[in-house]
């Protein structure tokens, strides 16, 4: 059994993305009954579900796991480090994209 399912957070996140709870159920493969049980904190969210919800809601899997009560919440320091790492990864990806464009331009000479 899940320790805590943050239904209010999930409802707010879905609303922010203009999605419905039913979209969440479809993405994970839950029936309407299973969806209701999850939101009433009577059915545990599995690891595979966390990955799917992470993609659907565009947040890190650790955030989903924390909001589902299936992981130990991280401290503010650890969360800050995760954010810093994510930002660095985004910067690296942006730089790699720029390098790829420059390489293509150089090949065209």
C-alpha atoms as a PDB file:
ATOM      1  CA  UNK A   1       0.000   0.000   0.000  1.00  0.00           C
ATOM      2  CA  UNK A   2       1.291   3.452  -0.843  1.00  0.00           C
ATOM      3  CA  UNK A   3       2.277   5.635   2.074  1.00  0.00           C
ATOM      4  CA  UNK A   4       0.890   8.820   0.602  1.00  0.00           C
ATOM      5  CA  UNK A   5      -0.561   9.808  -2.764  1.00  0.00           C
ATOM      6  CA  UNK A   6      -0.657  13.576  -3.271  1.00  0.00           C
ATOM      7  CA  UNK A   7      -3.948  13.740  -5.173  1.00  0.00           C
ATOM      8  CA  UNK A   8      -4.096  17.543  -4.998  1.00  0.00           C
ATOM      9  CA  UNK A   9      -0.662  17.872  -6.611  1.00  0.00           C
ATOM     10  CA  UNK A  10      -1.576  15.453  -9.407  1.00  0.00           C
ATOM     11  CA  UNK A  11      -4.874  17.250 -10.064  1.00  0.00           C
ATOM     12  CA  UNK A  12      -3.056  20.608 -10.207  1.00  0.00           C
ATOM     13  CA  UNK A  13      -0.323  19.252 -12.492  1.00  0.00           C
ATOM     14  CA  UNK A  14      -2.885  17.703 -14.827  1.00  0.00           C
ATOM     15  CA  UNK A  15      -4.827  20.979 -14.930  1.00  0.00           C
ATOM     16  CA  UNK A  16      -1.651  22.946 -15.655  1.00  0.00           C
ATOM     17  CA  UNK A  17      -1.067  20.714 -18.681  1.00  0.00           C
ATOM     18  CA  UNK A  18      -4.732  20.815 -19.720  1.00  0.00           C
ATOM     19  CA  UNK A  19      -5.054  17.078 -19.060  1.00  0.00           C
ATOM     20  CA  UNK A  20      -7.674  15.041 -17.240  1.00  0.00           C
ATOM     21  CA  UNK A  21      -7.309  12.184 -14.768  1.00  0.00           C
ATOM     22  CA  UNK A  22      -8.550   9.912 -17.543  1.00  0.00           C
ATOM     23  CA  UNK A  23      -5.523  10.909 -19.658  1.00  0.00           C
ATOM     24  CA  UNK A  24      -3.333   9.793 -16.785  1.00  0.00           C
ATOM     25  CA  UNK A  25      -5.152   6.466 -16.593  1.00  0.00           C
ATOM     26  CA  UNK A  26      -4.807   5.882 -20.340  1.00  0.00           C
ATOM     27  CA  UNK A  27      -1.093   6.708 -20.293  1.00  0.00           C
ATOM     28  CA  UNK A  28      -0.432   4.181 -17.546  1.00  0.00           C
ATOM     29  CA  UNK A  29      -3.012   1.597 -18.602  1.00  0.00           C
ATOM     30  CA  UNK A  30      -5.233   1.828 -15.529  1.00  0.00           C
ATOM     31  CA  UNK A  31      -8.939   1.136 -15.571  1.00  0.00           C
ATOM     32  CA  UNK A  32     -11.269   3.783 -14.150  1.00  0.00           C
ATOM     33  CA  UNK A  33     -11.556   1.665 -11.011  1.00  0.00           C
ATOM     34  CA  UNK A  34      -7.769   1.496 -10.626  1.00  0.00           C
ATOM     35  CA  UNK A  35      -7.491   5.248 -11.192  1.00  0.00           C
ATOM     36  CA  UNK A  36     -10.014   5.858  -8.417  1.00  0.00           C
ATOM     37  CA  UNK A  37      -8.115   3.543  -6.083  1.00  0.00           C
ATOM     38  CA  UNK A  38      -4.837   5.342  -6.786  1.00  0.00           C
ATOM     39  CA  UNK A  39      -6.387   8.735  -6.065  1.00  0.00           C
ATOM     40  CA  UNK A  40      -7.902   7.375  -2.843  1.00  0.00           C
ATOM     41  CA  UNK A  41      -4.456   6.036  -1.879  1.00  0.00           C
ATOM     42  CA  UNK A  42      -5.731   2.468  -1.947  1.00  0.00           C
ATOM     43  CA  UNK A  43      -3.586   1.178  -4.811  1.00  0.00           C
ATOM     44  CA  UNK A  44       0.171   1.447  -5.030  1.00  0.00           C
ATOM     45  CA  UNK A  45       1.800   3.078  -8.043  1.00  0.00           C
ATOM     46  CA  UNK A  46       4.451   0.788  -9.560  1.00  0.00           C
ATOM     47  CA  UNK A  47       7.907   1.764 -10.807  1.00  0.00           C
ATOM     48  CA  UNK A  48       6.899   1.410 -14.458  1.00  0.00           C
ATOM     49  CA  UNK A  49       3.955   3.709 -13.796  1.00  0.00           C
ATOM     50  CA  UNK A  50       6.301   6.311 -12.319  1.00  0.00           C
ATOM     51  CA  UNK A  51       8.290   6.457 -15.563  1.00  0.00           C
ATOM     52  CA  UNK A  52       5.139   6.820 -17.661  1.00  0.00           C
ATOM     53  CA  UNK A  53       3.707   9.510 -15.389  1.00  0.00           C
ATOM     54  CA  UNK A  54       7.036  11.323 -15.428  1.00  0.00           C
ATOM     55  CA  UNK A  55       6.879  11.532 -19.215  1.00  0.00           C
ATOM     56  CA  UNK A  56       3.200  12.496 -19.270  1.00  0.00           C
ATOM     57  CA  UNK A  57       3.488  15.187 -16.603  1.00  0.00           C
ATOM     58  CA  UNK A  58       6.924  16.404 -17.726  1.00  0.00           C
ATOM     59  CA  UNK A  59       8.555  16.188 -14.307  1.00  0.00           C
ATOM     60  CA  UNK A  60      11.431  14.041 -13.020  1.00  0.00           C
ATOM     61  CA  UNK A  61      10.582  10.488 -12.010  1.00  0.00           C
ATOM     62  CA  UNK A  62      11.841  11.290  -8.509  1.00  0.00           C
ATOM     63  CA  UNK A  63       9.107  13.935  -8.197  1.00  0.00           C
ATOM     64  CA  UNK A  64       6.438  11.428  -9.234  1.00  0.00           C
ATOM     65  CA  UNK A  65       7.810   8.820  -6.819  1.00  0.00           C
ATOM     66  CA  UNK A  66       7.799  11.333  -3.976  1.00  0.00           C
ATOM     67  CA  UNK A  67       4.241  12.456  -4.786  1.00  0.00           C
ATOM     68  CA  UNK A  68       3.106   8.812  -4.895  1.00  0.00           C
ATOM     69  CA  UNK A  69       4.658   8.040  -1.528  1.00  0.00           C
ATOM     70  CA  UNK A  70       6.806   5.245  -2.905  1.00  0.00           C
ATOM     71  CA  UNK A  71      10.163   6.826  -2.180  1.00  0.00           C
ATOM     72  CA  UNK A  72      11.789   8.635   0.653  1.00  0.00           C
ATOM     73  CA  UNK A  73      11.468  12.361   0.020  1.00  0.00           C
ATOM     74  CA  UNK A  74      14.791  14.026  -0.654  1.00  0.00           C
ATOM     75  CA  UNK A  75      16.128  16.852   1.462  1.00  0.00           C
ATOM     76  CA  UNK A  76      16.143  20.424   0.160  1.00  0.00           C
ATOM     77  CA  UNK A  77      19.904  20.110  -0.379  1.00  0.00           C
ATOM     78  CA  UNK A  78      19.514  16.922  -2.425  1.00  0.00           C
ATOM     79  CA  UNK A  79      16.640  18.447  -4.398  1.00  0.00           C
ATOM     80  CA  UNK A  80      18.765  21.514  -5.089  1.00  0.00           C
ATOM     81  CA  UNK A  81      21.577  19.296  -6.337  1.00  0.00           C
ATOM     82  CA  UNK A  82      19.153  17.425  -8.603  1.00  0.00           C
ATOM     83  CA  UNK A  83      17.946  20.730 -10.043  1.00  0.00           C
ATOM     84  CA  UNK A  84      21.521  21.872 -10.622  1.00  0.00           C
ATOM     85  CA  UNK A  85      22.380  18.601 -12.359  1.00  0.00           C
ATOM     86  CA  UNK A  86      19.264  18.852 -14.533  1.00  0.00           C
ATOM     87  CA  UNK A  87      20.159  22.418 -15.516  1.00  0.00           C
ATOM     88  CA  UNK A  88      23.711  21.363 -16.380  1.00  0.00           C
ATOM     89  CA  UNK A  89      22.394  18.501 -18.495  1.00  0.00           C
ATOM     90  CA  UNK A  90      20.102  20.912 -20.331  1.00  0.00           C
ATOM     91  CA  UNK A  91      23.018  23.291 -20.941  1.00  0.00           C
ATOM     92  CA  UNK A  92      25.165  20.443 -22.271  1.00  0.00           C
ATOM     93  CA  UNK A  93      22.357  19.366 -24.607  1.00  0.00           C
ATOM     94  CA  UNK A  94      21.953  22.937 -25.877  1.00  0.00           C
ATOM     95  CA  UNK A  95      25.700  23.244 -26.450  1.00  0.00           C
ATOM     96  CA  UNK A  96      25.800  19.908 -28.261  1.00  0.00           C
ATOM     97  CA  UNK A  97      23.014  21.102 -30.553  1.00  0.00           C
ATOM     98  CA  UNK A  98      24.940  24.288 -31.326  1.00  0.00           C
ATOM     99  CA  UNK A  99      28.096  22.297 -32.056  1.00  0.00           C
ATOM    100  CA  UNK A 100      26.145  20.066 -34.426  1.00  0.00           C
ATOM    101  CA  UNK A 101      24.882  23.127 -36.317  1.00  0.00           C
ATOM    102  CA  UNK A 102      28.415  24.530 -36.536  1.00  0.00           C
ATOM    103  CA  UNK A 103      29.782  21.218 -37.762  1.00  0.00           C
ATOM    104  CA  UNK A 104      27.153  21.100 -40.505  1.00  0.00           C
ATOM    105  CA  UNK A 105      28.003  24.657 -41.512  1.00  0.00           C
ATOM    106  CA  UNK A 106      31.693  23.803 -41.707  1.00  0.00           C
ATOM    107  CA  UNK A 107      31.022  20.720 -43.850  1.00  0.00           C
ATOM    108  CA  UNK A 108      29.130  22.927 -46.305  1.00  0.00           C
ATOM    109  CA  UNK A 109      32.227  25.051 -47.013  1.00  0.00           C
END
